[in-house]
N, C-alpha and C. Protein backbone atom coordinates (compact mmCIF):
# COMPACT_ATOMS: atom_id res chain seq x y z
N MET A 1 -108.38 -157.08 -66.89
CA MET A 1 -108.70 -156.19 -65.80
C MET A 1 -110.19 -155.88 -65.86
N GLU A 2 -110.82 -155.93 -64.73
CA GLU A 2 -112.25 -155.64 -64.64
C GLU A 2 -112.46 -154.13 -64.54
N PRO A 3 -113.47 -153.58 -65.23
CA PRO A 3 -113.69 -152.13 -65.14
C PRO A 3 -114.07 -151.74 -63.72
N PRO A 4 -113.73 -150.51 -63.31
CA PRO A 4 -114.09 -150.06 -61.97
C PRO A 4 -115.59 -149.91 -61.84
N PRO A 5 -116.09 -149.94 -60.59
CA PRO A 5 -117.52 -149.72 -60.40
C PRO A 5 -117.92 -148.35 -60.93
N ARG A 6 -119.15 -148.25 -61.43
CA ARG A 6 -119.60 -147.02 -62.07
C ARG A 6 -119.41 -145.79 -61.20
N SER A 7 -119.58 -145.90 -59.89
CA SER A 7 -119.46 -144.73 -59.02
C SER A 7 -118.05 -144.15 -59.02
N SER A 8 -117.07 -144.92 -59.50
CA SER A 8 -115.71 -144.38 -59.52
C SER A 8 -115.35 -143.81 -60.88
N TRP A 9 -116.26 -143.81 -61.83
CA TRP A 9 -115.97 -143.23 -63.14
C TRP A 9 -115.94 -141.73 -62.99
N PRO A 10 -115.19 -141.03 -63.83
CA PRO A 10 -114.90 -139.62 -63.61
C PRO A 10 -116.09 -138.72 -63.31
N GLY A 11 -117.06 -138.68 -64.20
CA GLY A 11 -118.21 -137.80 -63.97
C GLY A 11 -118.97 -138.16 -62.71
N GLN A 12 -119.16 -139.44 -62.47
CA GLN A 12 -119.88 -139.87 -61.28
C GLN A 12 -119.07 -139.57 -60.01
N TRP A 13 -117.74 -139.66 -60.10
CA TRP A 13 -116.91 -139.35 -58.93
C TRP A 13 -117.05 -137.88 -58.57
N VAL A 14 -117.01 -137.01 -59.56
CA VAL A 14 -117.16 -135.58 -59.30
C VAL A 14 -118.52 -135.30 -58.68
N GLU A 15 -119.56 -135.92 -59.20
CA GLU A 15 -120.90 -135.73 -58.64
C GLU A 15 -121.01 -136.25 -57.21
N ALA A 16 -120.38 -137.39 -56.93
CA ALA A 16 -120.47 -138.01 -55.62
C ALA A 16 -119.56 -137.35 -54.58
N ASN A 17 -118.58 -136.57 -55.02
CA ASN A 17 -117.60 -135.98 -54.12
C ASN A 17 -117.43 -134.48 -54.38
N PRO A 18 -118.52 -133.71 -54.29
CA PRO A 18 -118.41 -132.29 -54.64
C PRO A 18 -117.46 -131.51 -53.74
N ALA A 19 -117.47 -131.76 -52.44
CA ALA A 19 -116.60 -131.00 -51.53
C ALA A 19 -115.13 -131.33 -51.80
N LEU A 20 -114.82 -132.60 -52.00
CA LEU A 20 -113.44 -132.99 -52.28
C LEU A 20 -112.98 -132.46 -53.63
N THR A 21 -113.89 -132.47 -54.61
CA THR A 21 -113.56 -131.91 -55.92
C THR A 21 -113.19 -130.44 -55.78
N GLU A 22 -113.98 -129.70 -55.04
CA GLU A 22 -113.71 -128.27 -54.84
C GLU A 22 -112.41 -128.06 -54.07
N GLU A 23 -112.16 -128.91 -53.07
CA GLU A 23 -110.92 -128.81 -52.30
C GLU A 23 -109.70 -129.06 -53.18
N LEU A 24 -109.76 -130.10 -53.99
CA LEU A 24 -108.64 -130.40 -54.89
C LEU A 24 -108.44 -129.28 -55.89
N ALA A 25 -109.52 -128.74 -56.42
CA ALA A 25 -109.41 -127.66 -57.41
C ALA A 25 -108.77 -126.42 -56.80
N ALA A 26 -108.96 -126.20 -55.51
CA ALA A 26 -108.39 -125.02 -54.85
C ALA A 26 -106.94 -125.24 -54.41
N ASP A 27 -106.48 -126.48 -54.41
CA ASP A 27 -105.12 -126.81 -53.97
C ASP A 27 -104.14 -126.54 -55.11
N PRO A 28 -103.13 -125.69 -54.90
CA PRO A 28 -102.20 -125.37 -55.98
C PRO A 28 -101.34 -126.55 -56.44
N LEU A 29 -101.33 -127.64 -55.70
CA LEU A 29 -100.57 -128.82 -56.12
C LEU A 29 -101.33 -129.67 -57.12
N PHE A 30 -102.63 -129.41 -57.28
CA PHE A 30 -103.47 -130.24 -58.14
C PHE A 30 -103.98 -129.44 -59.33
N GLU A 31 -104.28 -130.19 -60.36
CA GLU A 31 -104.90 -129.61 -61.55
C GLU A 31 -105.94 -130.63 -62.01
N ILE A 32 -107.17 -130.20 -62.12
CA ILE A 32 -108.22 -131.11 -62.53
C ILE A 32 -108.37 -131.02 -64.04
N ALA A 33 -108.21 -132.15 -64.68
CA ALA A 33 -108.34 -132.25 -66.13
C ALA A 33 -109.58 -133.07 -66.45
N ASN A 34 -109.94 -133.11 -67.70
CA ASN A 34 -111.13 -133.83 -68.16
C ASN A 34 -110.74 -135.27 -68.49
N HIS A 35 -111.43 -136.22 -67.87
CA HIS A 35 -111.18 -137.65 -68.11
C HIS A 35 -112.45 -138.33 -68.63
N GLY A 36 -113.39 -137.53 -69.11
CA GLY A 36 -114.62 -138.07 -69.66
C GLY A 36 -115.71 -138.21 -68.62
N THR A 37 -116.91 -138.40 -69.09
CA THR A 37 -118.06 -138.49 -68.21
C THR A 37 -118.23 -139.90 -67.65
N ALA A 38 -118.13 -140.91 -68.49
CA ALA A 38 -118.40 -142.29 -68.06
C ALA A 38 -117.21 -143.22 -68.30
N HIS A 39 -116.01 -142.65 -68.48
CA HIS A 39 -114.79 -143.45 -68.64
C HIS A 39 -114.84 -144.34 -69.87
N GLN A 40 -115.45 -143.86 -70.92
CA GLN A 40 -115.56 -144.65 -72.14
C GLN A 40 -114.34 -144.46 -73.03
N PRO A 41 -113.89 -145.53 -73.68
CA PRO A 41 -112.92 -145.37 -74.74
C PRO A 41 -113.57 -144.51 -75.83
N LEU A 42 -112.82 -143.60 -76.42
CA LEU A 42 -113.39 -142.73 -77.44
C LEU A 42 -113.12 -143.30 -78.82
N SER A 43 -114.21 -143.54 -79.52
CA SER A 43 -114.13 -144.12 -80.85
C SER A 43 -115.39 -143.74 -81.60
N VAL A 44 -115.24 -143.47 -82.88
CA VAL A 44 -116.43 -143.21 -83.69
C VAL A 44 -117.00 -144.51 -84.25
N SER A 45 -116.36 -145.63 -83.90
CA SER A 45 -116.84 -146.93 -84.41
C SER A 45 -117.19 -147.91 -83.31
N GLY A 46 -117.21 -147.46 -82.04
CA GLY A 46 -117.61 -148.34 -80.95
C GLY A 46 -116.53 -149.26 -80.42
N ALA A 47 -115.26 -149.01 -80.75
CA ALA A 47 -114.18 -149.86 -80.26
C ALA A 47 -114.18 -149.87 -78.73
N SER A 48 -113.95 -151.04 -78.16
CA SER A 48 -113.94 -151.16 -76.70
C SER A 48 -112.51 -151.37 -76.21
N ALA A 49 -112.33 -151.18 -74.90
CA ALA A 49 -111.04 -151.43 -74.26
C ALA A 49 -111.31 -151.90 -72.84
N TYR A 50 -110.58 -152.93 -72.41
CA TYR A 50 -110.73 -153.47 -71.05
C TYR A 50 -112.17 -153.87 -70.74
N GLY A 51 -112.91 -154.29 -71.75
CA GLY A 51 -114.29 -154.71 -71.54
C GLY A 51 -115.28 -153.57 -71.43
N ILE A 52 -114.84 -152.34 -71.65
CA ILE A 52 -115.72 -151.18 -71.57
C ILE A 52 -116.07 -150.77 -72.99
N ALA A 53 -117.35 -150.70 -73.28
CA ALA A 53 -117.81 -150.32 -74.62
C ALA A 53 -117.44 -148.88 -74.92
N GLY A 54 -116.96 -148.65 -76.12
CA GLY A 54 -116.57 -147.31 -76.53
C GLY A 54 -117.75 -146.52 -77.06
N THR A 55 -117.50 -145.24 -77.25
CA THR A 55 -118.50 -144.39 -77.89
C THR A 55 -118.69 -144.89 -79.32
N THR A 56 -119.82 -144.57 -79.92
CA THR A 56 -120.15 -145.18 -81.21
C THR A 56 -120.15 -144.22 -82.39
N ASP A 57 -120.13 -142.92 -82.11
CA ASP A 57 -120.14 -141.94 -83.20
C ASP A 57 -119.65 -140.60 -82.66
N ALA A 58 -119.54 -139.62 -83.54
CA ALA A 58 -119.01 -138.31 -83.15
C ALA A 58 -119.86 -137.64 -82.08
N GLY A 59 -121.17 -137.81 -82.14
CA GLY A 59 -122.04 -137.23 -81.12
C GLY A 59 -121.78 -137.81 -79.74
N ALA A 60 -121.56 -139.11 -79.68
CA ALA A 60 -121.28 -139.76 -78.40
C ALA A 60 -119.90 -139.33 -77.88
N VAL A 61 -118.94 -139.14 -78.78
CA VAL A 61 -117.62 -138.63 -78.38
C VAL A 61 -117.79 -137.24 -77.76
N TYR A 62 -118.53 -136.39 -78.43
CA TYR A 62 -118.79 -135.04 -77.93
C TYR A 62 -119.42 -135.10 -76.53
N ASP A 63 -120.45 -135.92 -76.37
CA ASP A 63 -121.14 -136.03 -75.09
C ASP A 63 -120.20 -136.52 -73.99
N GLU A 64 -119.36 -137.50 -74.29
CA GLU A 64 -118.42 -138.03 -73.30
C GLU A 64 -117.43 -136.96 -72.85
N ILE A 65 -116.98 -136.14 -73.76
CA ILE A 65 -116.04 -135.08 -73.42
C ILE A 65 -116.75 -133.92 -72.72
N MET A 66 -117.79 -133.42 -73.33
CA MET A 66 -118.40 -132.18 -72.85
C MET A 66 -119.27 -132.37 -71.60
N GLY A 67 -119.77 -133.57 -71.37
CA GLY A 67 -120.50 -133.81 -70.12
C GLY A 67 -119.59 -133.58 -68.92
N ALA A 68 -118.39 -134.14 -68.99
CA ALA A 68 -117.42 -133.95 -67.90
C ALA A 68 -116.93 -132.51 -67.86
N GLN A 69 -116.70 -131.92 -69.03
CA GLN A 69 -116.22 -130.54 -69.08
C GLN A 69 -117.19 -129.62 -68.34
N LYS A 70 -118.47 -129.77 -68.63
CA LYS A 70 -119.50 -128.93 -68.01
C LYS A 70 -119.57 -129.18 -66.50
N LEU A 71 -119.53 -130.44 -66.10
CA LEU A 71 -119.61 -130.79 -64.69
C LEU A 71 -118.43 -130.22 -63.91
N ILE A 72 -117.23 -130.34 -64.46
CA ILE A 72 -116.04 -129.81 -63.78
C ILE A 72 -116.12 -128.29 -63.69
N GLU A 73 -116.55 -127.65 -64.77
CA GLU A 73 -116.70 -126.19 -64.74
C GLU A 73 -117.70 -125.77 -63.66
N GLU A 74 -118.82 -126.48 -63.56
CA GLU A 74 -119.84 -126.15 -62.56
C GLU A 74 -119.32 -126.33 -61.15
N ARG A 75 -118.58 -127.40 -60.90
CA ARG A 75 -118.10 -127.73 -59.56
C ARG A 75 -116.91 -126.88 -59.12
N THR A 76 -116.06 -126.50 -60.08
CA THR A 76 -114.80 -125.87 -59.69
C THR A 76 -114.67 -124.41 -60.14
N GLY A 77 -115.48 -124.01 -61.09
CA GLY A 77 -115.36 -122.66 -61.63
C GLY A 77 -114.20 -122.51 -62.59
N THR A 78 -113.55 -123.62 -62.93
CA THR A 78 -112.45 -123.57 -63.89
C THR A 78 -112.76 -124.47 -65.08
N THR A 79 -112.17 -124.12 -66.20
CA THR A 79 -112.37 -124.89 -67.42
C THR A 79 -111.16 -125.78 -67.65
N PRO A 80 -111.33 -127.10 -67.67
CA PRO A 80 -110.19 -127.97 -67.93
C PRO A 80 -109.54 -127.68 -69.28
N THR A 81 -108.24 -127.80 -69.31
CA THR A 81 -107.45 -127.56 -70.53
C THR A 81 -107.04 -128.87 -71.17
N TYR A 82 -106.84 -129.91 -70.34
CA TYR A 82 -106.29 -131.18 -70.81
C TYR A 82 -107.36 -132.27 -70.76
N PHE A 83 -107.19 -133.26 -71.64
CA PHE A 83 -108.14 -134.37 -71.72
C PHE A 83 -107.40 -135.68 -71.93
N ARG A 84 -107.80 -136.69 -71.15
CA ARG A 84 -107.37 -138.07 -71.39
C ARG A 84 -108.61 -138.94 -71.36
N SER A 85 -108.80 -139.72 -72.39
CA SER A 85 -110.01 -140.53 -72.48
C SER A 85 -109.98 -141.69 -71.48
N GLY A 86 -111.16 -142.19 -71.17
CA GLY A 86 -111.26 -143.38 -70.34
C GLY A 86 -110.53 -144.53 -71.01
N THR A 87 -109.84 -145.30 -70.23
CA THR A 87 -109.03 -146.44 -70.67
C THR A 87 -107.83 -146.02 -71.51
N ALA A 88 -107.62 -144.73 -71.70
CA ALA A 88 -106.52 -144.18 -72.50
C ALA A 88 -106.65 -144.51 -73.98
N HIS A 89 -107.82 -144.95 -74.41
CA HIS A 89 -108.02 -145.28 -75.83
C HIS A 89 -108.83 -144.20 -76.51
N LEU A 90 -108.32 -143.71 -77.63
CA LEU A 90 -109.11 -142.85 -78.51
C LEU A 90 -108.56 -142.97 -79.91
N ASP A 91 -109.47 -142.93 -80.86
CA ASP A 91 -109.04 -143.01 -82.25
C ASP A 91 -108.71 -141.61 -82.76
N ASP A 92 -108.19 -141.52 -83.98
CA ASP A 92 -107.75 -140.23 -84.54
C ASP A 92 -108.89 -139.23 -84.66
N VAL A 93 -110.08 -139.70 -85.05
CA VAL A 93 -111.22 -138.79 -85.21
C VAL A 93 -111.61 -138.23 -83.84
N SER A 94 -111.64 -139.08 -82.83
CA SER A 94 -111.99 -138.62 -81.48
C SER A 94 -110.96 -137.63 -80.95
N ALA A 95 -109.70 -137.88 -81.22
CA ALA A 95 -108.65 -136.95 -80.80
C ALA A 95 -108.85 -135.59 -81.47
N GLU A 96 -109.21 -135.61 -82.73
CA GLU A 96 -109.45 -134.35 -83.45
C GLU A 96 -110.68 -133.63 -82.88
N ILE A 97 -111.71 -134.37 -82.51
CA ILE A 97 -112.88 -133.75 -81.89
C ILE A 97 -112.48 -133.07 -80.59
N ALA A 98 -111.70 -133.76 -79.75
CA ALA A 98 -111.25 -133.17 -78.48
C ALA A 98 -110.45 -131.90 -78.72
N ARG A 99 -109.55 -131.94 -79.69
CA ARG A 99 -108.74 -130.75 -80.02
C ARG A 99 -109.63 -129.62 -80.53
N SER A 100 -110.64 -129.95 -81.34
CA SER A 100 -111.53 -128.91 -81.87
C SER A 100 -112.36 -128.26 -80.77
N LEU A 101 -112.50 -128.95 -79.65
CA LEU A 101 -113.21 -128.41 -78.49
C LEU A 101 -112.27 -127.60 -77.58
N GLY A 102 -111.04 -127.42 -78.03
CA GLY A 102 -110.09 -126.61 -77.28
C GLY A 102 -109.29 -127.34 -76.24
N LEU A 103 -109.32 -128.67 -76.26
CA LEU A 103 -108.60 -129.45 -75.27
C LEU A 103 -107.31 -130.01 -75.85
N LEU A 104 -106.29 -130.07 -75.02
CA LEU A 104 -105.04 -130.70 -75.41
C LEU A 104 -105.12 -132.15 -74.95
N VAL A 105 -105.03 -133.08 -75.88
CA VAL A 105 -105.13 -134.50 -75.56
C VAL A 105 -103.78 -134.96 -75.01
N VAL A 106 -103.82 -135.55 -73.83
CA VAL A 106 -102.62 -136.00 -73.14
C VAL A 106 -102.83 -137.44 -72.71
N ASN A 107 -101.77 -138.22 -72.78
CA ASN A 107 -101.83 -139.58 -72.27
C ASN A 107 -100.69 -139.75 -71.30
N PHE A 108 -100.41 -140.95 -70.89
CA PHE A 108 -99.35 -141.22 -69.93
C PHE A 108 -98.34 -142.16 -70.57
N ASN A 109 -97.16 -142.19 -70.01
CA ASN A 109 -96.16 -143.15 -70.48
C ASN A 109 -95.65 -144.04 -69.34
N ARG A 110 -96.16 -143.80 -68.13
CA ARG A 110 -95.75 -144.61 -66.99
C ARG A 110 -97.01 -145.01 -66.22
N ASN A 111 -97.34 -146.31 -66.28
CA ASN A 111 -98.50 -146.83 -65.58
C ASN A 111 -98.05 -147.24 -64.18
N GLY A 112 -98.48 -146.49 -63.19
CA GLY A 112 -98.00 -146.70 -61.83
C GLY A 112 -98.66 -147.82 -61.07
N ASP A 113 -99.90 -148.18 -61.43
CA ASP A 113 -100.60 -149.12 -60.57
C ASP A 113 -101.58 -150.06 -61.27
N ASP A 114 -101.53 -150.15 -62.57
CA ASP A 114 -102.44 -151.03 -63.32
C ASP A 114 -103.89 -150.88 -62.87
N GLY A 115 -104.37 -149.66 -62.89
CA GLY A 115 -105.76 -149.41 -62.52
C GLY A 115 -106.05 -149.58 -61.05
N GLY A 116 -105.05 -149.40 -60.22
CA GLY A 116 -105.25 -149.54 -58.78
C GLY A 116 -105.29 -150.99 -58.33
N THR A 117 -104.69 -151.88 -59.10
CA THR A 117 -104.74 -153.30 -58.76
C THR A 117 -103.43 -153.85 -58.18
N LEU A 118 -102.37 -153.06 -58.21
CA LEU A 118 -101.07 -153.57 -57.78
C LEU A 118 -100.84 -153.37 -56.28
N PRO A 119 -100.05 -154.27 -55.67
CA PRO A 119 -99.67 -154.07 -54.27
C PRO A 119 -98.64 -152.94 -54.15
N ALA A 120 -98.51 -152.40 -52.98
CA ALA A 120 -97.63 -151.25 -52.74
C ALA A 120 -96.20 -151.44 -53.24
N PRO A 121 -95.55 -152.59 -53.00
CA PRO A 121 -94.17 -152.72 -53.48
C PRO A 121 -94.05 -152.60 -55.01
N SER A 122 -95.02 -153.11 -55.73
CA SER A 122 -94.99 -153.02 -57.19
C SER A 122 -95.19 -151.58 -57.65
N VAL A 123 -96.10 -150.86 -56.99
CA VAL A 123 -96.32 -149.45 -57.32
C VAL A 123 -95.03 -148.67 -57.06
N SER A 124 -94.42 -148.90 -55.91
CA SER A 124 -93.18 -148.22 -55.56
C SER A 124 -92.09 -148.49 -56.59
N ASP A 125 -91.93 -149.74 -56.98
CA ASP A 125 -90.91 -150.09 -57.98
C ASP A 125 -91.14 -149.34 -59.29
N ARG A 126 -92.39 -149.24 -59.71
CA ARG A 126 -92.69 -148.54 -60.97
C ARG A 126 -92.36 -147.06 -60.86
N LEU A 127 -92.69 -146.45 -59.74
CA LEU A 127 -92.41 -145.03 -59.59
C LEU A 127 -90.92 -144.76 -59.48
N VAL A 128 -90.21 -145.61 -58.77
CA VAL A 128 -88.77 -145.42 -58.63
C VAL A 128 -88.09 -145.50 -60.00
N GLY A 129 -88.69 -146.21 -60.93
CA GLY A 129 -88.14 -146.31 -62.28
C GLY A 129 -88.44 -145.13 -63.17
N MET A 130 -89.14 -144.12 -62.66
CA MET A 130 -89.51 -142.97 -63.48
C MET A 130 -88.29 -142.15 -63.89
N GLU A 131 -88.43 -141.48 -65.01
CA GLU A 131 -87.41 -140.59 -65.54
C GLU A 131 -88.01 -139.19 -65.68
N PRO A 132 -87.18 -138.16 -65.68
CA PRO A 132 -87.72 -136.80 -65.89
C PRO A 132 -88.56 -136.73 -67.17
N GLY A 133 -89.69 -136.09 -67.06
CA GLY A 133 -90.59 -135.95 -68.20
C GLY A 133 -91.66 -137.01 -68.30
N ASP A 134 -91.56 -138.08 -67.51
CA ASP A 134 -92.59 -139.11 -67.54
C ASP A 134 -93.92 -138.55 -67.06
N ILE A 135 -94.99 -139.04 -67.64
CA ILE A 135 -96.34 -138.71 -67.18
C ILE A 135 -96.89 -139.97 -66.53
N LEU A 136 -97.15 -139.88 -65.24
CA LEU A 136 -97.57 -141.01 -64.42
C LEU A 136 -99.09 -141.15 -64.39
N LEU A 137 -99.56 -142.38 -64.51
CA LEU A 137 -100.96 -142.70 -64.27
C LEU A 137 -101.02 -143.51 -62.99
N ALA A 138 -101.78 -143.02 -62.03
CA ALA A 138 -102.02 -143.74 -60.78
C ALA A 138 -103.43 -143.39 -60.32
N HIS A 139 -104.04 -144.26 -59.58
CA HIS A 139 -105.45 -144.13 -59.25
C HIS A 139 -105.67 -143.85 -57.77
N SER A 140 -106.24 -142.70 -57.48
CA SER A 140 -106.57 -142.36 -56.10
C SER A 140 -108.00 -142.74 -55.74
N ASN A 141 -108.72 -143.28 -56.70
CA ASN A 141 -110.13 -143.61 -56.46
C ASN A 141 -110.32 -145.03 -55.93
N ARG A 142 -109.25 -145.69 -55.57
CA ARG A 142 -109.33 -147.03 -54.99
C ARG A 142 -108.52 -147.06 -53.71
N PRO A 143 -109.10 -146.56 -52.62
CA PRO A 143 -108.34 -146.40 -51.38
C PRO A 143 -107.82 -147.71 -50.80
N SER A 144 -108.41 -148.84 -51.12
CA SER A 144 -107.93 -150.11 -50.56
C SER A 144 -106.79 -150.71 -51.39
N SER A 145 -106.39 -150.05 -52.46
CA SER A 145 -105.31 -150.56 -53.31
C SER A 145 -103.96 -150.23 -52.68
N GLY A 146 -102.90 -150.69 -53.32
CA GLY A 146 -101.55 -150.41 -52.86
C GLY A 146 -100.99 -149.10 -53.38
N THR A 147 -101.80 -148.32 -54.06
CA THR A 147 -101.30 -147.10 -54.70
C THR A 147 -100.75 -146.09 -53.70
N ALA A 148 -101.54 -145.71 -52.71
CA ALA A 148 -101.10 -144.68 -51.76
C ALA A 148 -99.83 -145.11 -51.03
N ALA A 149 -99.80 -146.33 -50.55
CA ALA A 149 -98.61 -146.80 -49.82
C ALA A 149 -97.40 -146.90 -50.76
N GLY A 150 -97.62 -147.32 -51.99
CA GLY A 150 -96.53 -147.41 -52.95
C GLY A 150 -95.96 -146.05 -53.31
N VAL A 151 -96.84 -145.07 -53.52
CA VAL A 151 -96.39 -143.71 -53.82
C VAL A 151 -95.62 -143.15 -52.61
N THR A 152 -96.17 -143.36 -51.42
CA THR A 152 -95.53 -142.88 -50.20
C THR A 152 -94.12 -143.46 -50.05
N ALA A 153 -93.96 -144.73 -50.37
CA ALA A 153 -92.64 -145.37 -50.26
C ALA A 153 -91.67 -144.85 -51.33
N ALA A 154 -92.16 -144.53 -52.50
CA ALA A 154 -91.29 -144.10 -53.60
C ALA A 154 -90.87 -142.64 -53.50
N LEU A 155 -91.67 -141.80 -52.89
CA LEU A 155 -91.37 -140.37 -52.87
C LEU A 155 -90.00 -140.02 -52.31
N PRO A 156 -89.57 -140.56 -51.17
CA PRO A 156 -88.24 -140.20 -50.68
C PRO A 156 -87.11 -140.60 -51.65
N VAL A 157 -87.26 -141.72 -52.31
CA VAL A 157 -86.25 -142.16 -53.28
C VAL A 157 -86.21 -141.19 -54.46
N LEU A 158 -87.38 -140.81 -54.95
CA LEU A 158 -87.44 -139.88 -56.08
C LEU A 158 -86.87 -138.52 -55.69
N ARG A 159 -87.17 -138.06 -54.49
CA ARG A 159 -86.65 -136.76 -54.03
C ARG A 159 -85.13 -136.81 -53.91
N GLU A 160 -84.61 -137.92 -53.41
CA GLU A 160 -83.14 -138.07 -53.31
C GLU A 160 -82.48 -137.95 -54.68
N ARG A 161 -83.17 -138.40 -55.70
CA ARG A 161 -82.65 -138.32 -57.08
C ARG A 161 -82.88 -136.94 -57.68
N GLY A 162 -83.50 -136.04 -56.92
CA GLY A 162 -83.74 -134.68 -57.40
C GLY A 162 -84.99 -134.54 -58.24
N MET A 163 -85.85 -135.54 -58.22
CA MET A 163 -87.08 -135.47 -59.03
C MET A 163 -88.20 -134.81 -58.24
N SER A 164 -89.12 -134.23 -58.98
CA SER A 164 -90.31 -133.65 -58.38
C SER A 164 -91.48 -133.88 -59.33
N PHE A 165 -92.66 -133.69 -58.80
CA PHE A 165 -93.87 -133.82 -59.60
C PHE A 165 -94.33 -132.43 -60.00
N ALA A 166 -94.99 -132.33 -61.15
CA ALA A 166 -95.48 -131.05 -61.64
C ALA A 166 -96.86 -131.23 -62.25
N ARG A 167 -97.62 -130.16 -62.25
CA ARG A 167 -98.91 -130.17 -62.94
C ARG A 167 -98.67 -130.09 -64.44
N LEU A 168 -99.58 -130.62 -65.21
CA LEU A 168 -99.43 -130.57 -66.67
C LEU A 168 -99.23 -129.15 -67.16
N SER A 169 -99.98 -128.22 -66.60
CA SER A 169 -99.89 -126.83 -67.08
C SER A 169 -98.54 -126.20 -66.77
N ASP A 170 -97.79 -126.80 -65.86
CA ASP A 170 -96.45 -126.27 -65.55
C ASP A 170 -95.41 -126.73 -66.57
N VAL A 171 -95.72 -127.79 -67.31
CA VAL A 171 -94.70 -128.35 -68.21
C VAL A 171 -95.16 -128.54 -69.65
N LEU A 172 -96.45 -128.49 -69.89
CA LEU A 172 -96.97 -128.67 -71.25
C LEU A 172 -97.64 -127.40 -71.73
N PRO A 173 -97.59 -127.14 -73.02
CA PRO A 173 -98.30 -125.98 -73.55
C PRO A 173 -99.81 -126.23 -73.53
N THR A 174 -100.56 -125.16 -73.53
CA THR A 174 -102.01 -125.29 -73.71
C THR A 174 -102.27 -125.39 -75.21
N GLU A 175 -103.49 -125.72 -75.58
CA GLU A 175 -103.87 -125.80 -77.00
C GLU A 175 -103.61 -124.45 -77.68
N ALA A 176 -103.94 -123.35 -77.00
CA ALA A 176 -103.76 -122.03 -77.58
C ALA A 176 -102.27 -121.74 -77.83
N GLU A 177 -101.41 -122.21 -76.94
CA GLU A 177 -99.96 -121.97 -77.09
C GLU A 177 -99.38 -122.80 -78.24
N GLN A 178 -100.06 -123.87 -78.62
CA GLN A 178 -99.57 -124.71 -79.72
C GLN A 178 -99.90 -124.11 -81.08
N ASP A 179 -100.92 -123.26 -81.13
CA ASP A 179 -101.34 -122.68 -82.41
C ASP A 179 -100.36 -121.65 -82.93
């Protein structure tokens, strides 16, 4: 899989879409979490994922996390509670750094669209296969992908089964609640 264009990386997306970021932050159906500044895999040894070079030391891990944290706080007035690294890769040391910064590290167990590369029927099939408690990864930053149409097709089926979507804070504890 080819990495997304730089303008779609988390920090750059927030900078390029300030009004939409603020609108999403104000919508009670959404929760903005920290996904890093430049979508880098987090590693203290430079491990890469999907052709994207990882951070190389603890300082770079800190910068990747806190750059986005600061930007989101400035744009939305809220402090993210949850963190998922770019490419979903992070080593144990990086995870501990994120936790020490007060973030709860969360990943996904259901990949809905393979980075926004799947056609709508494939996205729909993946979502229809979801089970209660699954954490879905899907990409809204690729409008020409099949993600939106696939999600739209799957929603009535999921609702018929009695399923609903929830924000992380509605179902997961915060870091403070885990202590």
